[in-house]
């Protein structure tokens, strides 16, 4: 299992940032918030690794979506810490505490700590700068993995854009996981004001299948052709974001490999299998 996630502005309740844990009170100081975050991370990871099932968890998304902290739901973090831009001390501190827990359980060589985000293929340099900041001055590479949330459309990003990002992340020595993969069609990503919602553009599930095959063949090729001396592990995981279209978060745009149920494989499913057989 991969664990998701320890620090994410979208899913942390307001009271966690407030005096006496009451949403109606004022915000705590940075030092108090540091202590609360440390308590949460250590309690969570201790719960996992002190159990008989702890060895199942081989990866953690320690921090999720910091690069998109400008969204409204991140205001609790910025109300305490301010906008630290490219050098967020609390993000670095989260990784330090998580790495300490791996040391406690002698798991630093068995478990990878990830920074996870979306649109990583458009923000390569910003992401690498953030991860390099997390590791700067540390006794070890406390963040050694990059999670690429990949809610891709058959038009956006291009196969070439995605592949270039993979190459750069691995060339920088990081382990990569594709963490939230789906493939929309008839999804409005065009123009100066895209809706990022369903729009009938006449795209078919056969076109989707062709994209899936090209995408997966590219991913496999990047993994096989990487410099193993720089990125020994390369791409170590790929998670499909859901089971079938009718229960998907973007169901109208048919983003998955199955249609109405797990018994309804689409052409994209066959294309996915065909690509996986690439030698």
Protein backbone atom coordinates (compact mmCIF):
# COMPACT_ATOMS: atom_id res chain seq x y z
CA UNK A 1 0.00 0.00 0.00
CA UNK A 2 0.98 3.61 -0.51
CA UNK A 3 -0.22 5.98 2.22
CA UNK A 4 -1.91 9.24 1.22
CA UNK A 5 -1.47 11.78 2.82
CA UNK A 6 0.00 13.36 5.98
CA UNK A 7 -0.15 17.10 5.17
CA UNK A 8 -2.78 18.40 2.78
CA UNK A 9 -4.45 21.78 3.11
CA UNK A 10 -7.67 20.54 1.51
CA UNK A 11 -8.41 17.91 4.13
CA UNK A 12 -7.25 19.45 7.41
CA UNK A 13 -10.16 20.75 9.54
CA UNK A 14 -10.13 24.37 10.61
CA UNK A 15 -10.18 23.57 14.32
CA UNK A 16 -6.76 21.90 14.02
CA UNK A 17 -5.24 25.36 13.50
CA UNK A 18 -7.14 27.16 16.25
CA UNK A 19 -6.56 27.82 19.95
CA UNK A 20 -8.04 25.13 22.17
CA UNK A 21 -9.00 23.20 19.01
CA UNK A 22 -12.08 25.37 18.55
CA UNK A 23 -12.92 26.72 15.09
CA UNK A 24 -14.38 29.86 16.69
CA UNK A 25 -11.06 30.84 18.30
CA UNK A 26 -8.02 32.55 16.82
CA UNK A 27 -5.14 30.86 15.07
CA UNK A 28 -2.31 29.30 17.06
CA UNK A 29 1.32 30.38 16.74
CA UNK A 30 3.72 28.74 14.31
CA UNK A 31 5.47 26.91 17.14
CA UNK A 32 2.20 25.45 18.40
CA UNK A 33 1.24 24.42 14.87
CA UNK A 34 4.65 22.81 14.40
CA UNK A 35 4.01 20.72 17.51
CA UNK A 36 0.52 19.72 16.36
CA UNK A 37 1.77 18.67 12.94
CA UNK A 38 4.60 16.67 14.51
CA UNK A 39 2.15 14.97 16.88
CA UNK A 40 -0.13 14.01 14.01
CA UNK A 41 2.62 12.67 11.73
CA UNK A 42 4.31 10.65 14.45
CA UNK A 43 1.03 9.28 15.80
CA UNK A 44 -0.17 8.25 12.36
CA UNK A 45 3.06 6.59 11.26
CA UNK A 46 3.60 4.96 14.64
CA UNK A 47 0.11 3.48 14.42
CA UNK A 48 0.98 1.92 11.06
CA UNK A 49 4.50 0.67 11.74
CA UNK A 50 3.86 -0.63 15.24
CA UNK A 51 1.18 -2.95 13.84
CA UNK A 52 1.78 -6.33 12.23
CA UNK A 53 0.68 -4.85 8.91
CA UNK A 54 3.17 -1.99 8.87
CA UNK A 55 5.47 -3.64 6.33
CA UNK A 56 2.68 -3.37 3.73
CA UNK A 57 3.11 0.42 3.52
CA UNK A 58 6.07 1.05 1.24
CA UNK A 59 5.42 4.71 0.32
CA UNK A 60 3.97 7.86 1.92
CA UNK A 61 2.72 11.04 0.32
CA UNK A 62 4.03 13.26 3.10
CA UNK A 63 2.83 16.56 1.60
CA UNK A 64 0.19 16.98 -1.09
CA UNK A 65 -0.33 19.92 -3.47
CA UNK A 66 1.71 22.63 -1.76
CA UNK A 67 2.45 24.21 -5.14
CA UNK A 68 -1.27 24.94 -5.43
CA UNK A 69 -1.61 26.46 -1.98
CA UNK A 70 -3.31 29.54 -3.45
CA UNK A 71 -6.62 27.75 -3.58
CA UNK A 72 -9.19 28.88 -0.99
CA UNK A 73 -8.94 25.72 1.07
CA UNK A 74 -5.28 26.41 2.00
CA UNK A 75 -6.05 29.56 3.98
CA UNK A 76 -5.66 27.83 7.34
CA UNK A 77 -2.01 26.99 6.66
CA UNK A 78 -1.18 30.42 5.28
CA UNK A 79 -3.01 32.09 8.16
CA UNK A 80 -0.56 30.44 10.55
CA UNK A 81 2.64 30.41 8.48
CA UNK A 82 2.08 33.07 5.85
CA UNK A 83 2.91 32.33 2.23
CA UNK A 84 6.43 30.93 2.38
CA UNK A 85 6.51 30.49 -1.41
CA UNK A 86 9.43 28.28 -2.48
CA UNK A 87 10.87 27.71 0.99
CA UNK A 88 8.04 26.46 3.22
CA UNK A 89 9.57 25.52 6.57
CA UNK A 90 6.57 23.46 7.65
CA UNK A 91 6.73 21.34 4.49
CA UNK A 92 10.39 20.61 5.14
CA UNK A 93 9.61 19.93 8.80
CA UNK A 94 6.90 17.44 7.83
CA UNK A 95 9.42 15.42 5.85
CA UNK A 96 11.96 15.60 8.66
CA UNK A 97 9.47 14.19 11.15
CA UNK A 98 8.31 11.49 8.73
CA UNK A 99 11.91 10.47 8.02
CA UNK A 100 12.61 10.26 11.75
CA UNK A 101 9.79 7.73 12.01
CA UNK A 102 11.33 5.65 9.25
CA UNK A 103 14.60 5.73 11.16
CA UNK A 104 12.82 4.66 14.32
CA UNK A 105 11.47 1.58 12.57
CA UNK A 106 14.64 0.90 10.54
CA UNK A 107 12.71 1.46 7.32
CA UNK A 108 14.67 4.17 5.49
CA UNK A 109 15.80 1.65 2.86
CA UNK A 110 12.36 0.07 2.52
CA UNK A 111 9.99 3.06 2.39
CA UNK A 112 9.98 6.12 0.11
CA UNK A 113 8.66 9.52 1.16
CA UNK A 114 6.91 11.38 -1.68
CA UNK A 115 5.90 14.89 -2.51
CA UNK A 116 2.66 14.58 -4.53
CA UNK A 117 0.96 17.16 -6.78
CA UNK A 118 -1.10 17.69 -9.92
CA UNK A 119 -0.07 19.33 -13.21
CA UNK A 120 3.51 18.33 -12.42
CA UNK A 121 4.22 18.02 -16.15
CA UNK A 122 3.64 21.78 -16.48
CA UNK A 123 5.55 22.78 -13.32
CA UNK A 124 8.71 20.68 -13.51
CA UNK A 125 11.21 23.32 -12.42
CA UNK A 126 9.06 24.64 -9.56
CA UNK A 127 8.53 21.13 -8.27
CA UNK A 128 12.20 20.20 -8.45
CA UNK A 129 13.12 23.43 -6.67
CA UNK A 130 10.68 22.61 -3.86
CA UNK A 131 11.91 19.03 -3.45
CA UNK A 132 15.52 20.18 -3.55
CA UNK A 133 14.71 22.69 -0.79
CA UNK A 134 13.19 19.89 1.31
CA UNK A 135 16.41 17.90 0.99
CA UNK A 136 18.81 20.83 1.35
CA UNK A 137 21.18 20.46 4.30
CA UNK A 138 19.69 17.14 5.41
CA UNK A 139 21.81 14.15 6.34
CA UNK A 140 19.89 12.05 3.81
CA UNK A 141 17.49 12.56 0.92
CA UNK A 142 14.40 12.75 3.11
CA UNK A 143 12.15 13.31 0.09
CA UNK A 144 13.24 10.83 -2.56
CA UNK A 145 10.01 10.42 -4.48
CA UNK A 146 7.80 12.55 -6.74
CA UNK A 147 4.15 11.65 -7.12
CA UNK A 148 2.61 12.74 -10.42
CA UNK A 149 -1.14 13.13 -10.15
CA UNK A 150 -2.09 12.42 -13.74
CA UNK A 151 -5.63 13.46 -14.57
CA UNK A 152 -4.71 13.70 -18.22
CA UNK A 153 -6.91 14.45 -21.20
CA UNK A 154 -6.24 13.05 -24.66
CA UNK A 155 -5.36 16.64 -25.66
CA UNK A 156 -3.58 17.84 -22.50
CA UNK A 157 -0.75 17.33 -21.75
CA UNK A 158 0.77 15.96 -24.91
CA UNK A 159 2.60 12.66 -24.76
CA UNK A 160 5.82 14.59 -25.38
CA UNK A 161 5.20 17.02 -22.51
CA UNK A 162 4.49 14.22 -20.08
CA UNK A 163 7.51 12.21 -21.21
CA UNK A 164 9.82 15.19 -20.85
CA UNK A 165 8.70 15.65 -17.24
CA UNK A 166 9.31 11.99 -16.46
CA UNK A 167 12.80 12.25 -17.91
CA UNK A 168 13.67 15.33 -15.85
CA UNK A 169 12.39 13.89 -12.58
CA UNK A 170 14.36 10.68 -13.05
CA UNK A 171 17.43 12.53 -14.30
CA UNK A 172 17.35 14.46 -11.02
CA UNK A 173 17.61 11.14 -9.18
CA UNK A 174 14.06 10.81 -7.90
CA UNK A 175 11.79 7.82 -7.76
CA UNK A 176 8.53 8.54 -9.59
CA UNK A 177 5.01 7.24 -9.12
CA UNK A 178 2.03 8.03 -11.34
CA UNK A 179 -0.51 8.40 -8.59
CA UNK A 180 -3.92 9.40 -9.97
CA UNK A 181 -4.14 8.30 -13.57
CA UNK A 182 -7.22 8.70 -15.71
CA UNK A 183 -7.76 9.70 -19.35
CA UNK A 184 -10.67 12.03 -20.15
CA UNK A 185 -12.34 12.57 -23.49
CA UNK A 186 -14.82 15.33 -24.35
CA UNK A 187 -13.35 17.40 -21.53
CA UNK A 188 -12.95 21.15 -22.03
CA UNK A 189 -9.29 22.07 -21.63
CA UNK A 190 -9.12 24.53 -24.54
CA UNK A 191 -9.28 28.28 -24.94
CA UNK A 192 -8.48 31.17 -22.64
CA UNK A 193 -11.12 30.14 -20.11
CA UNK A 194 -11.41 26.34 -20.06
CA UNK A 195 -14.18 24.92 -17.87
CA UNK A 196 -12.35 21.67 -17.05
CA UNK A 197 -15.68 19.93 -17.33
CA UNK A 198 -17.57 17.80 -19.83
CA UNK A 199 -18.01 19.26 -23.29
CA UNK A 200 -19.15 17.23 -26.27
CA UNK A 201 -16.24 17.52 -28.65
CA UNK A 202 -17.05 14.40 -30.64
CA UNK A 203 -14.16 12.40 -29.17
CA UNK A 204 -14.62 8.62 -29.07
CA UNK A 205 -13.54 5.76 -26.84
CA UNK A 206 -11.51 4.47 -29.79
CA UNK A 207 -9.51 7.72 -29.79
CA UNK A 208 -9.11 7.32 -26.05
CA UNK A 209 -7.77 3.81 -26.54
CA UNK A 210 -5.19 5.03 -29.05
CA UNK A 211 -4.03 7.69 -26.58
CA UNK A 212 -3.84 5.16 -23.72
CA UNK A 213 -1.66 2.85 -25.83
CA UNK A 214 0.69 5.67 -26.83
CA UNK A 215 0.83 6.99 -23.27
CA UNK A 216 1.63 3.64 -21.69
CA UNK A 217 4.20 2.75 -24.31
CA UNK A 218 5.91 6.07 -23.59
CA UNK A 219 5.91 5.44 -19.82
CA UNK A 220 7.37 1.97 -20.27
CA UNK A 221 10.02 3.25 -22.67
CA UNK A 222 11.08 6.01 -20.25
CA UNK A 223 11.40 3.45 -17.48
CA UNK A 224 13.45 1.04 -19.56
CA UNK A 225 15.74 3.68 -21.06
CA UNK A 226 16.46 5.71 -17.92
CA UNK A 227 19.98 6.11 -16.56
CA UNK A 228 19.89 3.49 -13.81
CA UNK A 229 23.00 4.91 -12.16
CA UNK A 230 21.13 8.18 -11.54
CA UNK A 231 17.62 6.81 -10.96
CA UNK A 232 18.01 3.21 -9.79
CA UNK A 233 14.29 2.66 -9.20
CA UNK A 234 12.75 4.96 -11.80
CA UNK A 235 8.97 4.59 -12.02
CA UNK A 236 7.78 2.33 -9.20
CA UNK A 237 4.02 2.69 -9.20
CA UNK A 238 1.00 3.51 -11.31
CA UNK A 239 -2.44 3.99 -9.77
CA UNK A 240 -5.59 4.15 -11.90
CA UNK A 241 -7.95 6.75 -10.36
CA UNK A 242 -11.08 4.65 -10.04
CA UNK A 243 -12.70 1.43 -11.19
CA UNK A 244 -15.15 2.38 -13.92
CA UNK A 245 -16.68 5.42 -15.61
CA UNK A 246 -20.11 5.41 -14.00
CA UNK A 247 -18.62 6.01 -10.53
CA UNK A 248 -15.72 8.23 -11.61
CA UNK A 249 -15.39 11.82 -10.41
CA UNK A 250 -15.39 12.78 -14.11
CA UNK A 251 -17.79 10.12 -15.28
CA UNK A 252 -19.30 12.13 -18.15
CA UNK A 253 -15.85 12.30 -19.73
CA UNK A 254 -15.38 8.51 -19.48
CA UNK A 255 -11.84 8.59 -18.05
CA UNK A 256 -11.32 4.97 -17.01
CA UNK A 257 -10.61 1.56 -18.51
CA UNK A 258 -14.06 0.14 -17.75
CA UNK A 259 -17.49 1.58 -18.57
CA UNK A 260 -20.60 0.78 -16.54
CA UNK A 261 -18.98 -1.85 -14.31
CA UNK A 262 -15.82 -3.86 -13.78
CA UNK A 263 -17.34 -6.38 -16.21
CA UNK A 264 -17.46 -3.78 -18.99
CA UNK A 265 -13.92 -3.39 -20.37
CA UNK A 266 -13.49 -0.59 -22.90
CA UNK A 267 -11.11 -0.47 -25.87
CA UNK A 268 -8.78 1.50 -23.55
CA UNK A 269 -8.46 -1.56 -21.31
CA UNK A 270 -7.25 -3.71 -24.20
CA UNK A 271 -4.92 -0.93 -25.31
CA UNK A 272 -3.50 -0.70 -21.78
CA UNK A 273 -2.79 -4.44 -21.75
CA UNK A 274 -1.29 -4.36 -25.21
CA UNK A 275 1.06 -1.54 -24.23
CA UNK A 276 2.12 -3.39 -21.09
CA UNK A 277 3.39 -6.24 -23.25
CA UNK A 278 5.89 -3.92 -24.96
CA UNK A 279 9.31 -5.56 -25.00
